[in-house]
Amino acid sequence: MALDLPEGVGQVVMTETVGNIQNTNLNGRNIANIAMGSLQAGVARVHNELDPVESRAVSGVMATPIAPPTTQGS
């Protein structure tokens, strides 16, 4: 069934529709930014909490030498 709207009403409906689409896109980007920020904070927290017991790589950062493998003399 066809509906005949005045031009002004159609323009208002189109403007509102475009605004709603843009707002939805903005909300989606904001949610993605929040998610990425949370991931970055989690990664930073994990790297901030490393101690020598967790990784041999930390000893290089702390400038404590790791002994080379020992060899048996004959």
N, C-alpha and C. Protein backbone atom coordinates (compact mmCIF):
# COMPACT_ATOMS: atom_id res chain seq x y z
N MET A 1 0.83 -1.15 0.00
CA MET A 1 0.00 0.00 0.00
C MET A 1 0.89 1.24 0.00
N ALA A 2 0.69 2.11 -0.93
CA ALA A 2 1.48 3.33 -1.06
C ALA A 2 1.01 4.37 -0.05
N LEU A 3 1.95 5.18 0.39
CA LEU A 3 1.65 6.25 1.33
C LEU A 3 2.25 7.53 0.79
N ASP A 4 1.45 8.55 0.64
CA ASP A 4 1.92 9.81 0.09
C ASP A 4 2.17 10.78 1.24
N LEU A 5 3.44 11.10 1.46
CA LEU A 5 3.83 12.03 2.52
C LEU A 5 4.21 13.37 1.91
N PRO A 6 3.96 14.44 2.61
CA PRO A 6 4.46 15.73 2.13
C PRO A 6 6.00 15.73 2.15
N GLU A 7 6.59 16.53 1.28
CA GLU A 7 8.05 16.54 1.12
C GLU A 7 8.76 16.87 2.44
N GLY A 8 8.22 17.80 3.21
CA GLY A 8 8.84 18.19 4.48
C GLY A 8 8.87 17.04 5.48
N VAL A 9 7.79 16.24 5.53
CA VAL A 9 7.75 15.10 6.45
C VAL A 9 8.78 14.05 6.03
N GLY A 10 8.86 13.78 4.75
CA GLY A 10 9.85 12.82 4.25
C GLY A 10 11.26 13.25 4.58
N GLN A 11 11.53 14.57 4.46
CA GLN A 11 12.87 15.09 4.76
C GLN A 11 13.19 14.94 6.25
N VAL A 12 12.21 15.19 7.10
CA VAL A 12 12.42 15.04 8.55
C VAL A 12 12.71 13.57 8.89
N VAL A 13 11.95 12.66 8.28
CA VAL A 13 12.15 11.23 8.54
C VAL A 13 13.54 10.80 8.07
N MET A 14 13.96 11.26 6.89
CA MET A 14 15.29 10.89 6.38
C MET A 14 16.39 11.47 7.27
N THR A 15 16.24 12.71 7.72
CA THR A 15 17.24 13.32 8.58
C THR A 15 17.35 12.56 9.90
N GLU A 16 16.21 12.19 10.47
CA GLU A 16 16.22 11.42 11.71
C GLU A 16 16.86 10.06 11.51
N THR A 17 16.58 9.42 10.40
CA THR A 17 17.14 8.10 10.11
C THR A 17 18.66 8.17 9.99
N VAL A 18 19.13 9.16 9.25
CA VAL A 18 20.59 9.33 9.09
C VAL A 18 21.23 9.61 10.45
N GLY A 19 20.61 10.44 11.26
CA GLY A 19 21.14 10.72 12.60
C GLY A 19 21.20 9.48 13.46
N ASN A 20 20.17 8.65 13.37
CA ASN A 20 20.15 7.41 14.15
C ASN A 20 21.26 6.46 13.71
N ILE A 21 21.46 6.36 12.41
CA ILE A 21 22.53 5.48 11.89
C ILE A 21 23.89 5.98 12.36
N GLN A 22 24.11 7.29 12.27
CA GLN A 22 25.40 7.85 12.70
C GLN A 22 25.61 7.64 14.20
N ASN A 23 24.55 7.81 14.97
CA ASN A 23 24.64 7.61 16.41
C ASN A 23 24.95 6.16 16.76
N THR A 24 24.33 5.24 16.05
CA THR A 24 24.60 3.82 16.27
C THR A 24 26.05 3.49 15.93
N ASN A 25 26.56 4.05 14.84
CA ASN A 25 27.97 3.83 14.48
C ASN A 25 28.90 4.40 15.54
N LEU A 26 28.57 5.58 16.05
CA LEU A 26 29.39 6.19 17.09
C LEU A 26 29.40 5.32 18.35
N ASN A 27 28.24 4.82 18.74
CA ASN A 27 28.17 3.95 19.92
C ASN A 27 29.00 2.69 19.72
N GLY A 28 28.94 2.12 18.52
CA GLY A 28 29.74 0.93 18.23
C GLY A 28 31.23 1.21 18.34
N ARG A 29 31.67 2.35 17.83
CA ARG A 29 33.09 2.71 17.93
C ARG A 29 33.48 2.94 19.39
N ASN A 30 32.59 3.58 20.15
CA ASN A 30 32.90 3.81 21.56
C ASN A 30 33.04 2.49 22.33
N ILE A 31 32.18 1.55 22.03
CA ILE A 31 32.27 0.24 22.69
C ILE A 31 33.57 -0.46 22.31
N ALA A 32 33.95 -0.37 21.03
CA ALA A 32 35.21 -0.97 20.60
C ALA A 32 36.39 -0.30 21.30
N ASN A 33 36.34 1.02 21.46
CA ASN A 33 37.42 1.73 22.15
C ASN A 33 37.51 1.30 23.60
N ILE A 34 36.39 1.12 24.24
CA ILE A 34 36.38 0.67 25.64
C ILE A 34 36.98 -0.73 25.74
N ALA A 35 36.59 -1.61 24.82
CA ALA A 35 37.12 -2.97 24.83
C ALA A 35 38.63 -2.98 24.62
N MET A 36 39.11 -2.19 23.66
CA MET A 36 40.54 -2.15 23.40
C MET A 36 41.30 -1.56 24.59
N GLY A 37 40.72 -0.55 25.21
CA GLY A 37 41.35 0.03 26.40
C GLY A 37 41.45 -0.98 27.53
N SER A 38 40.41 -1.78 27.69
CA SER A 38 40.43 -2.81 28.72
C SER A 38 41.51 -3.85 28.44
N LEU A 39 41.62 -4.25 27.18
CA LEU A 39 42.66 -5.22 26.82
C LEU A 39 44.05 -4.65 27.05
N GLN A 40 44.25 -3.39 26.66
CA GLN A 40 45.55 -2.76 26.86
C GLN A 40 45.89 -2.65 28.34
N ALA A 41 44.91 -2.31 29.16
CA ALA A 41 45.15 -2.21 30.59
C ALA A 41 45.50 -3.57 31.18
N GLY A 42 44.85 -4.62 30.69
CA GLY A 42 45.15 -5.97 31.16
C GLY A 42 46.56 -6.39 30.79
N VAL A 43 46.96 -6.09 29.57
CA VAL A 43 48.31 -6.44 29.12
C VAL A 43 49.34 -5.66 29.93
N ALA A 44 49.09 -4.37 30.13
CA ALA A 44 50.03 -3.55 30.90
C ALA A 44 50.15 -4.05 32.33
N ARG A 45 49.03 -4.47 32.92
CA ARG A 45 49.05 -4.97 34.29
C ARG A 45 49.88 -6.24 34.38
N VAL A 46 49.71 -7.14 33.42
CA VAL A 46 50.45 -8.40 33.44
C VAL A 46 51.94 -8.14 33.30
N HIS A 47 52.32 -7.24 32.39
CA HIS A 47 53.74 -6.96 32.20
C HIS A 47 54.31 -6.20 33.39
N ASN A 48 53.49 -5.46 34.07
CA ASN A 48 53.96 -4.71 35.23
C ASN A 48 54.19 -5.62 36.43
N GLU A 49 53.54 -6.76 36.47
CA GLU A 49 53.61 -7.62 37.64
C GLU A 49 54.59 -8.78 37.50
N LEU A 50 55.40 -8.81 36.46
CA LEU A 50 56.37 -9.89 36.32
C LEU A 50 57.42 -9.78 37.42
N ASP A 51 57.80 -10.91 37.95
CA ASP A 51 58.92 -10.92 38.88
C ASP A 51 59.87 -12.04 38.47
N PRO A 52 61.05 -12.10 39.04
CA PRO A 52 62.07 -13.04 38.57
C PRO A 52 61.64 -14.50 38.61
N VAL A 53 60.72 -14.85 39.44
CA VAL A 53 60.29 -16.24 39.52
C VAL A 53 59.52 -16.64 38.27
N GLU A 54 58.84 -15.68 37.64
CA GLU A 54 57.97 -16.00 36.50
C GLU A 54 58.72 -16.19 35.19
N SER A 55 59.84 -15.51 35.01
CA SER A 55 60.46 -15.55 33.70
C SER A 55 61.96 -15.33 33.78
N ARG A 56 62.71 -16.11 33.00
CA ARG A 56 64.16 -15.89 32.92
C ARG A 56 64.47 -14.60 32.19
N ALA A 57 63.55 -14.15 31.32
CA ALA A 57 63.79 -12.93 30.57
C ALA A 57 63.90 -11.72 31.49
N VAL A 58 63.26 -11.76 32.63
CA VAL A 58 63.31 -10.64 33.56
C VAL A 58 64.72 -10.46 34.08
N SER A 59 65.48 -11.53 34.22
CA SER A 59 66.82 -11.40 34.76
C SER A 59 67.71 -10.56 33.86
N GLY A 60 67.47 -10.59 32.54
CA GLY A 60 68.22 -9.73 31.65
C GLY A 60 67.89 -8.27 31.87
N VAL A 61 66.64 -7.98 32.13
CA VAL A 61 66.22 -6.62 32.40
C VAL A 61 66.80 -6.13 33.72
N MET A 62 66.86 -7.01 34.68
CA MET A 62 67.37 -6.65 36.00
C MET A 62 68.90 -6.69 36.04
N ALA A 63 69.55 -7.05 34.95
CA ALA A 63 71.01 -7.10 34.83
C ALA A 63 71.64 -8.12 35.76
N THR A 64 70.95 -9.21 36.00
CA THR A 64 71.55 -10.31 36.75
C THR A 64 71.93 -11.39 35.75
N PRO A 65 73.16 -11.72 35.65
CA PRO A 65 73.59 -12.69 34.63
C PRO A 65 73.04 -14.09 34.91
N ILE A 66 72.79 -14.79 33.82
CA ILE A 66 72.40 -16.20 33.90
C ILE A 66 73.62 -17.02 33.55
N ALA A 67 73.95 -17.99 34.37
CA ALA A 67 75.12 -18.80 34.11
C ALA A 67 74.92 -19.66 32.87
N PRO A 68 75.99 -19.83 32.08
CA PRO A 68 75.88 -20.69 30.90
C PRO A 68 75.76 -22.16 31.32
N PRO A 69 75.41 -23.03 30.40
CA PRO A 69 75.35 -24.46 30.75
C PRO A 69 76.72 -24.97 31.18
N THR A 70 76.74 -25.86 32.12
CA THR A 70 78.01 -26.43 32.57
C THR A 70 78.38 -27.61 31.70
N THR A 71 79.65 -27.83 31.56
CA THR A 71 80.13 -28.99 30.79
C THR A 71 80.96 -29.86 31.75
N GLN A 72 80.92 -31.14 31.52
CA GLN A 72 81.67 -32.07 32.36
C GLN A 72 83.05 -32.27 31.74
N GLY A 73 84.04 -32.08 32.52
CA GLY A 73 85.41 -32.36 32.06
C GLY A 73 85.72 -33.84 32.17
N SER A 74 86.58 -34.34 31.27
CA SER A 74 86.91 -35.76 31.37
C SER A 74 88.24 -36.00 31.98
